[in-house]
Each structure stands twice: as C-alpha cells, then as structure tokens.
Protein backbone atom coordinates (compact mmCIF):
# COMPACT_ATOMS: atom_id res chain seq x y z
CA UNK A 1 17.24 6.87 35.23
CA UNK A 2 19.77 6.43 38.03
CA UNK A 3 20.05 3.25 40.15
CA UNK A 4 18.83 5.22 43.18
CA UNK A 5 15.68 6.32 41.40
CA UNK A 6 15.01 2.71 40.32
CA UNK A 7 15.32 1.51 43.90
CA UNK A 8 12.95 4.18 45.14
CA UNK A 9 10.38 3.58 42.38
CA UNK A 10 6.93 2.82 43.80
CA UNK A 11 5.74 -0.78 43.90
CA UNK A 12 2.95 -1.36 41.38
CA UNK A 13 -0.47 -2.60 42.44
CA UNK A 14 0.22 -5.91 40.71
CA UNK A 15 3.43 -6.37 42.71
CA UNK A 16 1.65 -5.49 45.96
CA UNK A 17 -1.00 -8.14 45.35
CA UNK A 18 1.71 -10.68 44.53
CA UNK A 19 3.53 -9.88 47.77
CA UNK A 20 0.28 -10.07 49.74
CA UNK A 21 -0.43 -13.49 48.22
CA UNK A 22 2.94 -14.72 49.43
CA UNK A 23 2.43 -13.18 52.87
CA UNK A 24 -0.84 -15.11 53.15
CA UNK A 25 0.82 -18.31 51.88
CA UNK A 26 3.61 -18.04 54.44
CA UNK A 27 1.07 -17.32 57.19
CA UNK A 28 -0.93 -20.42 56.26
CA UNK A 29 2.19 -22.60 56.22
CA UNK A 30 3.35 -21.23 59.58
CA UNK A 31 -0.07 -21.90 61.13
CA UNK A 32 -0.06 -25.49 59.87
CA UNK A 33 3.55 -26.05 60.94
CA UNK A 34 2.82 -24.62 64.39
CA UNK A 35 -0.22 -26.86 64.73
CA UNK A 36 1.78 -29.96 63.83
CA UNK A 37 4.93 -29.16 65.83
CA UNK A 38 3.02 -28.24 68.99
CA UNK A 39 1.27 -31.60 68.91
CA UNK A 40 4.34 -33.79 68.60
CA UNK A 41 5.19 -35.66 71.78
CA UNK A 42 8.95 -35.90 71.17
CA UNK A 43 9.88 -37.75 74.41
CA UNK A 44 6.98 -40.15 74.01
CA UNK A 45 6.24 -43.16 71.89
CA UNK A 46 6.83 -43.46 68.18
CA UNK A 47 4.11 -42.08 65.92
CA UNK A 48 2.70 -40.05 68.79
CA UNK A 49 0.88 -36.81 68.03
CA UNK A 50 -1.32 -35.47 70.78
CA UNK A 51 -3.36 -33.26 68.48
CA UNK A 52 -6.78 -34.53 67.44
CA UNK A 53 -6.10 -35.12 63.74
CA UNK A 54 -8.16 -37.24 61.38
CA UNK A 55 -4.98 -38.50 59.78
CA UNK A 56 -4.59 -40.75 62.84
CA UNK A 57 -7.52 -42.82 61.58
CA UNK A 58 -6.41 -42.59 57.95
CA UNK A 59 -2.90 -43.78 58.76
CA UNK A 60 -4.17 -46.48 61.11
CA UNK A 61 -6.50 -47.82 58.43
CA UNK A 62 -3.60 -47.75 55.96
CA UNK A 63 -1.49 -49.85 58.35
CA UNK A 64 -4.30 -52.38 58.72
CA UNK A 65 -4.74 -52.48 54.94
CA UNK A 66 -1.01 -53.08 54.56
CA UNK A 67 -1.41 -56.08 56.87
CA UNK A 68 -4.31 -57.26 54.66
CA UNK A 69 -6.72 -56.78 57.54
CA UNK A 70 -8.59 -53.64 56.36
CA UNK A 71 -11.93 -54.67 57.84
CA UNK A 72 -10.45 -54.26 61.33
CA UNK A 73 -10.47 -50.48 60.76
CA UNK A 74 -14.23 -50.44 61.38
CA UNK A 75 -13.62 -51.51 64.99
CA UNK A 76 -12.51 -48.44 66.95
CA UNK A 77 -10.32 -50.39 69.38
CA UNK A 78 -8.42 -52.02 66.53
CA UNK A 79 -8.05 -48.69 64.76
CA UNK A 80 -6.75 -46.98 67.89
CA UNK A 81 -4.16 -49.69 68.44
CA UNK A 82 -3.06 -49.35 64.81
CA UNK A 83 -2.38 -45.62 64.97
CA UNK A 84 -0.71 -45.72 68.42
CA UNK A 85 -2.24 -42.53 69.75
CA UNK A 86 -0.72 -40.90 72.83
CA UNK A 87 -4.11 -40.70 74.44
CA UNK A 88 -7.67 -41.98 74.05
CA UNK A 89 -9.05 -40.35 70.89
CA UNK A 90 -12.50 -41.25 69.61
CA UNK A 91 -11.74 -41.84 65.92
CA UNK A 92 -13.51 -43.93 63.30
CA UNK A 93 -13.06 -45.20 59.74
CA UNK A 94 -15.91 -44.85 57.27
CA UNK A 95 -14.59 -45.21 53.71
CA UNK A 96 -15.19 -47.73 50.91
CA UNK A 97 -12.69 -50.41 49.98
CA UNK A 98 -10.96 -48.52 47.10
CA UNK A 99 -9.90 -45.82 49.56
CA UNK A 100 -8.17 -48.40 51.75
CA UNK A 101 -6.32 -49.70 48.67
CA UNK A 102 -5.24 -46.18 47.69
CA UNK A 103 -3.94 -45.37 51.17
CA UNK A 104 -1.95 -48.58 51.69
CA UNK A 105 1.46 -47.01 50.82
CA UNK A 106 1.05 -44.48 53.66
CA UNK A 107 0.82 -47.36 56.12
CA UNK A 108 4.40 -48.33 55.29
CA UNK A 109 5.70 -44.92 56.49
CA UNK A 110 6.15 -43.54 60.03
CA UNK A 111 3.21 -41.42 61.10
CA UNK A 112 4.84 -37.99 60.83
CA UNK A 113 6.44 -38.79 57.48
CA UNK A 114 3.09 -39.97 56.12
CA UNK A 115 1.22 -37.02 57.66
CA UNK A 116 3.55 -34.34 56.30
CA UNK A 117 3.89 -36.16 52.97
CA UNK A 118 0.11 -36.28 52.65
CA UNK A 119 -0.08 -32.51 53.17
CA UNK A 120 2.62 -31.80 50.57
CA UNK A 121 1.00 -34.14 48.06
CA UNK A 122 -2.36 -32.42 48.61
CA UNK A 123 -0.95 -28.92 48.09
CA UNK A 124 1.23 -29.99 45.17
CA UNK A 125 -1.64 -31.59 43.26
CA UNK A 126 -3.86 -28.60 44.07
CA UNK A 127 -1.23 -26.28 42.58
CA UNK A 128 -1.13 -28.39 39.40
CA UNK A 129 -4.94 -28.39 39.11
CA UNK A 130 -5.35 -24.66 39.79
CA UNK A 131 -2.50 -23.76 37.40
CA UNK A 132 -4.66 -24.93 34.49
CA UNK A 133 -7.10 -22.15 35.35
CA UNK A 134 -4.45 -19.48 35.99
CA UNK A 135 -1.56 -20.30 33.61
CA UNK A 136 -0.23 -16.73 33.66
CA UNK A 137 -1.63 -15.29 36.90
CA UNK A 138 0.78 -16.36 39.63
CA UNK A 139 -0.88 -14.13 42.21
CA UNK A 140 -4.25 -15.84 41.81
CA UNK A 141 -2.58 -19.26 41.73
CA UNK A 142 -0.79 -18.68 45.05
CA UNK A 143 -3.89 -17.12 46.60
CA UNK A 144 -6.08 -20.13 45.79
CA UNK A 145 -3.56 -22.86 46.64
CA UNK A 146 -2.92 -21.27 50.04
CA UNK A 147 -6.43 -20.02 50.71
CA UNK A 148 -7.24 -19.90 54.44
CA UNK A 149 -10.29 -22.04 53.65
CA UNK A 150 -7.97 -25.06 53.34
CA UNK A 151 -6.54 -24.64 56.86
CA UNK A 152 -8.86 -27.11 58.66
CA UNK A 153 -8.27 -29.80 56.01
CA UNK A 154 -4.51 -29.26 56.16
CA UNK A 155 -4.35 -29.34 59.94
CA UNK A 156 -6.38 -32.49 60.48
CA UNK A 157 -5.07 -34.22 57.33
CA UNK A 158 -8.33 -34.78 55.45
CA UNK A 159 -9.18 -35.64 51.83
CA UNK A 160 -11.06 -32.45 50.94
CA UNK A 161 -8.21 -30.91 48.96
CA UNK A 162 -7.61 -34.08 46.95
CA UNK A 163 -11.34 -34.34 46.23
CA UNK A 164 -11.28 -30.75 44.97
CA UNK A 165 -8.27 -31.58 42.79
CA UNK A 166 -10.28 -34.37 41.17
CA UNK A 167 -13.24 -32.05 40.64
CA UNK A 168 -11.08 -29.34 39.04
CA UNK A 169 -9.48 -31.92 36.76
CA UNK A 170 -12.90 -33.28 35.76
CA UNK A 171 -14.22 -29.79 34.94
CA UNK A 172 -11.08 -29.08 32.91
CA UNK A 173 -11.61 -32.34 30.98
CA UNK A 174 -15.25 -31.46 30.29
CA UNK A 175 -14.19 -28.06 28.97
CA UNK A 176 -11.96 -29.86 26.48
CA UNK A 177 -14.79 -32.28 25.62
CA UNK A 178 -12.75 -35.18 27.04
CA UNK A 179 -15.94 -36.67 28.42
CA UNK A 180 -14.64 -40.18 29.06
CA UNK A 181 -11.65 -38.84 31.02
CA UNK A 182 -13.99 -36.56 32.97
CA UNK A 183 -16.10 -39.59 33.85
CA UNK A 184 -13.07 -41.53 35.06
CA UNK A 185 -12.08 -38.63 37.30
CA UNK A 186 -15.61 -38.30 38.64
CA UNK A 187 -15.66 -42.04 39.30
CA UNK A 188 -12.59 -41.58 41.50
CA UNK A 189 -14.52 -39.01 43.53
CA UNK A 190 -16.79 -41.79 44.79
CA UNK A 191 -13.98 -42.69 47.18
CA UNK A 192 -15.62 -40.00 49.34
CA UNK A 193 -19.21 -40.19 48.06
CA UNK A 194 -20.84 -37.78 50.54
CA UNK A 195 -19.41 -34.78 48.70
CA UNK A 196 -20.71 -35.84 45.28
CA UNK A 197 -24.46 -35.59 45.76
CA UNK A 198 -24.83 -32.78 43.22
CA UNK A 199 -22.42 -34.04 40.57
CA UNK A 200 -25.08 -36.12 38.73
CA UNK A 201 -27.22 -32.98 38.54
CA UNK A 202 -24.64 -31.01 36.54
CA UNK A 203 -23.90 -33.96 34.24
CA UNK A 204 -27.58 -34.37 33.38
CA UNK A 205 -28.08 -30.63 32.99
CA UNK A 206 -25.08 -30.32 30.66
CA UNK A 207 -26.11 -33.47 28.77
CA UNK A 208 -22.79 -35.19 29.50
CA UNK A 209 -24.12 -38.69 28.90
CA UNK A 210 -20.76 -40.21 27.93
CA UNK A 211 -19.34 -38.79 31.15
CA UNK A 212 -22.17 -40.37 33.13
CA UNK A 213 -21.50 -43.77 31.53
CA UNK A 214 -17.74 -43.46 32.05
CA UNK A 215 -18.19 -42.41 35.70
CA UNK A 216 -20.56 -45.30 36.33
CA UNK A 217 -18.20 -47.86 34.78
CA UNK A 218 -15.24 -46.43 36.72
CA UNK A 219 -17.17 -46.57 39.98
CA UNK A 220 -18.25 -50.17 39.41
CA UNK A 221 -14.74 -51.29 38.44
CA UNK A 222 -13.15 -49.53 41.42
CA UNK A 223 -15.51 -50.93 43.99
CA UNK A 224 -15.80 -54.42 42.56
CA UNK A 225 -12.03 -54.65 42.19
CA UNK A 226 -11.38 -53.55 45.77
CA UNK A 227 -14.16 -55.79 47.05
CA UNK A 228 -12.63 -58.73 45.19
CA UNK A 229 -9.33 -57.95 46.90
CA UNK A 230 -10.70 -57.57 50.43
CA UNK A 231 -13.80 -59.72 50.21
CA UNK A 232 -17.51 -58.89 50.37
CA UNK A 233 -17.25 -58.75 54.16
CA UNK A 234 -15.53 -55.34 53.87
CA UNK A 235 -18.42 -53.99 51.80
CA UNK A 236 -20.95 -55.35 54.30
CA UNK A 237 -19.02 -53.83 57.21
CA UNK A 238 -18.88 -50.46 55.42
CA UNK A 239 -22.65 -50.50 54.85
CA UNK A 240 -23.29 -51.39 58.51
CA UNK A 241 -20.92 -48.70 59.77
CA UNK A 242 -22.50 -46.11 57.46
CA UNK A 243 -25.95 -46.99 58.76
CA UNK A 244 -24.84 -46.77 62.38
CA UNK A 245 -23.08 -43.50 61.76
CA UNK A 246 -26.06 -42.08 59.88
CA UNK A 247 -28.32 -42.90 62.81
CA UNK A 248 -26.18 -40.66 65.03
CA UNK A 249 -26.51 -37.65 62.70
CA UNK A 250 -28.95 -35.85 65.01
CA UNK A 251 -26.40 -35.96 67.83
CA UNK A 252 -23.58 -34.78 65.55
CA UNK A 253 -25.39 -31.69 64.26
CA UNK A 254 -26.47 -30.73 67.75
CA UNK A 255 -23.25 -31.31 69.70
CA UNK A 256 -20.07 -30.79 67.68
CA UNK A 257 -18.62 -27.27 67.45
CA UNK A 258 -16.76 -28.29 64.26
CA UNK A 259 -19.89 -29.38 62.41
CA UNK A 260 -20.46 -26.67 59.79
CA UNK A 261 -23.66 -27.58 57.98
CA UNK A 262 -26.78 -25.47 57.81
CA UNK A 263 -28.45 -28.16 59.94
CA UNK A 264 -25.86 -27.67 62.69
CA UNK A 265 -26.30 -23.89 62.49
CA UNK A 266 -30.07 -24.25 62.82
CA UNK A 267 -29.68 -26.27 66.02
CA UNK A 268 -27.56 -23.47 67.50
CA UNK A 269 -30.33 -20.95 66.93
CA UNK A 270 -32.89 -23.18 68.63
CA UNK A 271 -34.29 -25.62 66.06
CA UNK A 272 -34.73 -29.29 66.91
CA UNK A 273 -32.12 -31.57 65.28
CA UNK A 274 -34.61 -33.45 63.09
CA UNK A 275 -36.18 -30.21 61.90
CA UNK A 276 -32.72 -28.78 61.24
CA UNK A 277 -31.84 -31.80 59.09
CA UNK A 278 -35.11 -31.34 57.20
CA UNK A 279 -34.14 -27.71 56.53
CA UNK A 280 -30.80 -28.87 55.15
CA UNK A 281 -32.49 -31.43 52.90
CA UNK A 282 -34.83 -28.71 51.61
CA UNK A 283 -31.76 -26.56 50.91
CA UNK A 284 -30.26 -29.48 49.01
CA UNK A 285 -33.35 -29.58 46.78
CA UNK A 286 -33.17 -25.81 46.18
CA UNK A 287 -29.45 -26.00 45.41
CA UNK A 288 -29.99 -28.91 43.01
CA UNK A 289 -32.74 -27.03 41.16
CA UNK A 290 -30.63 -23.87 40.90
CA UNK A 291 -27.62 -25.87 39.79
CA UNK A 292 -29.60 -27.69 37.10
CA UNK A 293 -30.94 -24.39 35.76
CA UNK A 294 -27.52 -22.73 35.67
CA UNK A 295 -25.71 -25.68 34.09
CA UNK A 296 -28.45 -26.26 31.51
CA UNK A 297 -28.18 -22.57 30.61
CA UNK A 298 -24.38 -22.16 30.67
CA UNK A 299 -22.60 -25.52 30.92
CA UNK A 300 -19.16 -26.58 32.13
CA UNK A 301 -17.33 -23.80 30.28
CA UNK A 302 -19.01 -21.17 32.43
CA UNK A 303 -16.96 -20.08 35.44
CA UNK A 304 -20.15 -18.79 37.05
CA UNK A 305 -21.80 -22.21 36.71
CA UNK A 306 -18.74 -23.85 38.27
CA UNK A 307 -18.85 -21.31 41.10
CA UNK A 308 -22.45 -22.28 41.83
CA UNK A 309 -21.43 -25.96 41.90
CA UNK A 310 -18.52 -25.41 44.30
CA UNK A 311 -20.63 -23.18 46.54
CA UNK A 312 -23.52 -25.65 46.57
CA UNK A 313 -21.55 -28.82 47.37
CA UNK A 314 -20.86 -28.00 51.06
CA UNK A 315 -24.47 -26.85 51.50
CA UNK A 316 -25.85 -30.13 50.19
CA UNK A 317 -25.26 -32.36 53.20
CA UNK A 318 -26.31 -32.04 56.85
CA UNK A 319 -23.09 -33.89 57.74
CA UNK A 320 -20.43 -31.29 57.00
CA UNK A 321 -17.27 -30.84 59.04
CA UNK A 322 -15.29 -27.61 58.92
CA UNK A 323 -12.57 -29.17 56.73
CA UNK A 324 -15.06 -29.98 53.96
CA UNK A 325 -16.18 -26.35 53.92
CA UNK A 326 -12.89 -25.63 52.16
CA UNK A 327 -14.90 -25.75 48.92
CA UNK A 328 -15.51 -22.06 49.50
CA UNK A 329 -11.97 -21.45 48.18
CA UNK A 330 -12.98 -22.98 44.83
CA UNK A 331 -16.23 -21.03 44.84
CA UNK A 332 -14.20 -17.84 45.31
CA UNK A 333 -11.83 -18.90 42.52
CA UNK A 334 -14.60 -19.36 39.97
CA UNK A 335 -16.45 -16.22 41.13
CA UNK A 336 -13.25 -14.28 40.54
CA UNK A 337 -12.73 -15.87 37.11
CA UNK A 338 -16.34 -15.17 36.12
CA UNK A 339 -15.50 -11.47 35.86
CA UNK A 340 -15.06 -8.34 37.91
CA UNK A 341 -16.88 -5.80 35.75
CA UNK A 342 -19.00 -3.50 37.84
CA UNK A 343 -17.60 -4.71 41.16
CA UNK A 344 -17.19 -2.31 44.04
CA UNK A 345 -15.36 -2.50 47.35
CA UNK A 346 -18.20 -4.45 48.97
CA UNK A 347 -17.98 -7.15 46.29
CA UNK A 348 -14.25 -7.58 46.89
CA UNK A 349 -14.80 -7.80 50.66
CA UNK A 350 -17.47 -10.45 50.19
CA UNK A 351 -15.18 -12.38 47.86
CA UNK A 352 -12.40 -12.24 50.45
CA UNK A 353 -14.78 -13.65 53.07
CA UNK A 354 -15.79 -16.55 50.80
CA UNK A 355 -12.10 -17.16 49.97
CA UNK A 356 -11.24 -17.32 53.69
CA UNK A 357 -14.20 -19.61 54.44
CA UNK A 358 -13.67 -21.83 57.49
CA UNK A 359 -10.19 -20.35 57.84
CA UNK A 360 -11.87 -17.43 59.62
CA UNK A 361 -12.34 -19.65 62.66
CA UNK A 362 -8.66 -20.66 62.62
CA UNK A 363 -7.59 -17.02 62.38
CA UNK A 364 -9.71 -16.44 65.46
CA UNK A 365 -8.15 -19.39 67.28
CA UNK A 366 -4.62 -18.14 66.60
CA UNK A 367 -4.98 -14.36 66.79
CA UNK A 368 -8.21 -13.15 68.44
CA UNK A 369 -9.57 -15.98 70.65
CA UNK A 370 -13.18 -14.79 70.62
CA UNK A 371 -15.36 -17.48 72.18
CA UNK A 372 -18.37 -16.90 69.92
CA UNK A 373 -16.45 -17.48 66.66
CA UNK A 374 -16.45 -21.23 65.98
CA UNK A 375 -17.28 -23.29 62.85
CA UNK A 376 -20.91 -24.16 63.57
CA UNK A 377 -21.98 -20.54 64.05
CA UNK A 378 -19.57 -18.87 61.60
CA UNK A 379 -19.07 -21.10 58.56
CA UNK A 380 -22.67 -21.78 57.37
CA UNK A 381 -23.45 -18.06 56.81
CA UNK A 382 -20.23 -17.75 54.80
CA UNK A 383 -21.21 -20.77 52.69
CA UNK A 384 -24.67 -19.30 52.06
CA UNK A 385 -23.07 -16.00 51.16
CA UNK A 386 -20.81 -17.74 48.64
CA UNK A 387 -23.80 -19.54 47.11
CA UNK A 388 -25.75 -16.28 46.74
CA UNK A 389 -22.69 -14.53 45.30
CA UNK A 390 -22.17 -17.34 42.77
CA UNK A 391 -25.84 -17.23 41.71
CA UNK A 392 -25.57 -13.47 41.28
CA UNK A 393 -22.56 -13.96 39.04
CA UNK A 394 -24.39 -16.63 37.04
CA UNK A 395 -27.30 -14.26 36.49
CA UNK A 396 -24.90 -11.77 34.90
CA UNK A 397 -23.60 -14.29 32.37
CA UNK A 398 -25.15 -14.97 28.94
CA UNK A 399 -26.43 -18.43 28.10
CA UNK A 400 -24.62 -20.75 25.69
CA UNK A 401 -27.18 -20.02 22.97
CA UNK A 402 -26.74 -16.28 23.44
CA UNK A 403 -22.96 -16.61 23.20
CA UNK A 404 -23.29 -18.71 20.03
CA UNK A 405 -25.61 -16.14 18.48
CA UNK A 406 -23.16 -13.37 19.35
CA UNK A 407 -20.36 -15.27 17.58
CA UNK A 408 -22.52 -15.74 14.47
CA UNK A 409 -23.34 -12.02 14.46
CA UNK A 410 -19.67 -11.13 14.66
C-alpha cells in the first residue's frame, strides 16, 4: 500500500468516537475557561471575580479556618469580607467542621490560584477514579471525565465531582471486597451529607455490615476530631445554620432558577411548595425501595445497580442545585457499562441526554439562548429519565444467584 493510500484511508468508527470525545472535552474546557476569564476583574482588587461562584464562600471559609476562626464563616458579613468579592453576593457556608479542616490549605493561596487548582484537582481525581472502570477504553474515559453534566460544578467550583470520586472509589473497593476501605471512603462522604441519603440503603441491601461499621467509625472520628480542634461551638453553629437554612427550603424550591429538584419542578408547574416537597419525599421513598430491591438482587458488582444508585441520588433531596445534578454523568457511565445488547438509536439518544444532564442548560446559555431552557424546568425530567433508564437496565440483568448457578452449570 502506498503512503498516499494510507493517508486517504477512511477513519474507523472507533477513531471517530475518540475524536468526538476530545472535541467535547475541548468544548467543555473552553466553556469553563471562558466563564472564569470573563468574570475576572483585572483592574480591580485582588481576588476579585465578578461571577457568582460558590468557590467564593469555600475560599473565604478556608481563609477563616486558616486564621483559626472557622465559626465566623457562618456569619455572612464575615464570610463576604473574607472572600473580598467585587460586589455584594449573597453567599453562605453550611458544612461540618471536617470540611473546614480539609479546605484550610486553599485559604493560603490567592483566590484564582485556589479556584483553578480546585478545578484541576477535581478533574484529575475524577480521571483516576473513572480509569479503574475503563482501563482500556480511552474514549469512554474522556467522555465521562469531560461530560457536560459536570459543567455547573466546574464553573461554580463545587464539591460534587470530588463527592462522586469518593463514591466511585468506594464502589470499586466493595467490588474487591475491601469492605473496611469502602467504609472509610463512605465516611469521608459525610463531609457533604445531603448527597448520601441513599448510601445506607445499598449497604444494608448488599449486606455490607463491615462497611457500615467502618463508615460509622470514620464519621465519628472525623467529626469528633474536627470538633475537638475547633470546639463544640462550631458544631452548634452548624446545627443552627442547618436548621435556619432548612426552614427556608420552601422559598428556595419556589424561587431559584438553578434549583433542579423534582420539588422545584413541581412548583413551576403550579404545585404549592409544601406539596412539592412532599412529592419529592415520596419519590425518595420510591427510589429507596427500588434501590434496595436492585442491590439485594444484584449487589455492588452490578453496573446496572450502580446506575440506579447514581440516578437516584440527585432525585432523593428536595434541595438540589444544578451542580449536584452532575450525578447523571455517572448514571450514564454505569448504564453504558451495563451493556448495549439490543439497543437502538433511541437508546443511544436517551443515554446522550442523561450524559449531558444539567450541561444542557449551559449549552443553551452559550449557544442557543432560549429563555425557557433553565435548570428548574429542564434538569428534573432528565434525572427522572436517567432513573427510569437505569431501572430498565437493571431489569435486564440476572441476579447474583442466577449468575452463580450459571457458573456452576458451566
């Protein structure tokens, strides 16, 4: 074959998908970079970013923790002074003491250095965690690490990606029967406890009792250690702030366009806030029951069971911002891993929508600018779709007992 014929040889389907994965990755990075660079007030004060980013509060709390005054982060005026915002931004801090300890090193860095470093650390650790599930499939690895669903978390600088890293690592440990390590990793997830409501369900369903004990011990050690460092007053302030914030939930689900829970969606279609929250709590019960059934039947080694977990987590709380809806990327990952036998074009399109998740609204912001596409009205249907898709996949999979019987027969 001549050199000319080699150059003109058609690109294989595998190569096309690989190139498309990189095109998406570059697009995601450009969108994040544009968001950050357009918000920097270069002629202004140090550490000044005019964009509304949650990392303002995270960095401000880290600075206060570095000064050994972490409890001041619960006062909004103190927090605002700490992060030196260019303008009045209504931010708050609502995390337990171990989180303040973990973030302290970021407080020693300039804002932009800490902000960009946080994003790189998040993506880097995500790549390491996902690589364990796709050791030879670089296309899938790139597609998941740079899924559009992560865009809101990347832009505002939130913990969602790091939480997902911990979850992926815990599932990987359970698959290797490293139950104590899995428990330690799950204990670390209590640094953002609102996302872990369904984790005890899967541990009980899969009879991971050593993991439960390990997670409990880790949680107690983390929180007692941090409380000993900062004093019980921090714990009391956190409880008070959580109660105050919880009391305002009805306003949040009814007013914020970035709130992406089923409760928020219900308010947009006319339901009263309290009734909408009740609907979301009922959905939590349904999701927990479905999750228990799937995990009791298939366990941690089942990709379909893990897909149901990742799809159910963002549906489990009425208080869900668009950045926490990034779990849809993990749901898509496990749905894809669960198998593609019998799929048609519609299935692939639905998978792509789940993979994009809340990133759909960012695509709209950057490219289409349609007023009716915003997180509250767009993201909850996508999350419900992902949950239904994951349950469908789980229904196609054999149970653990059936797989064991098949091995004996062979």
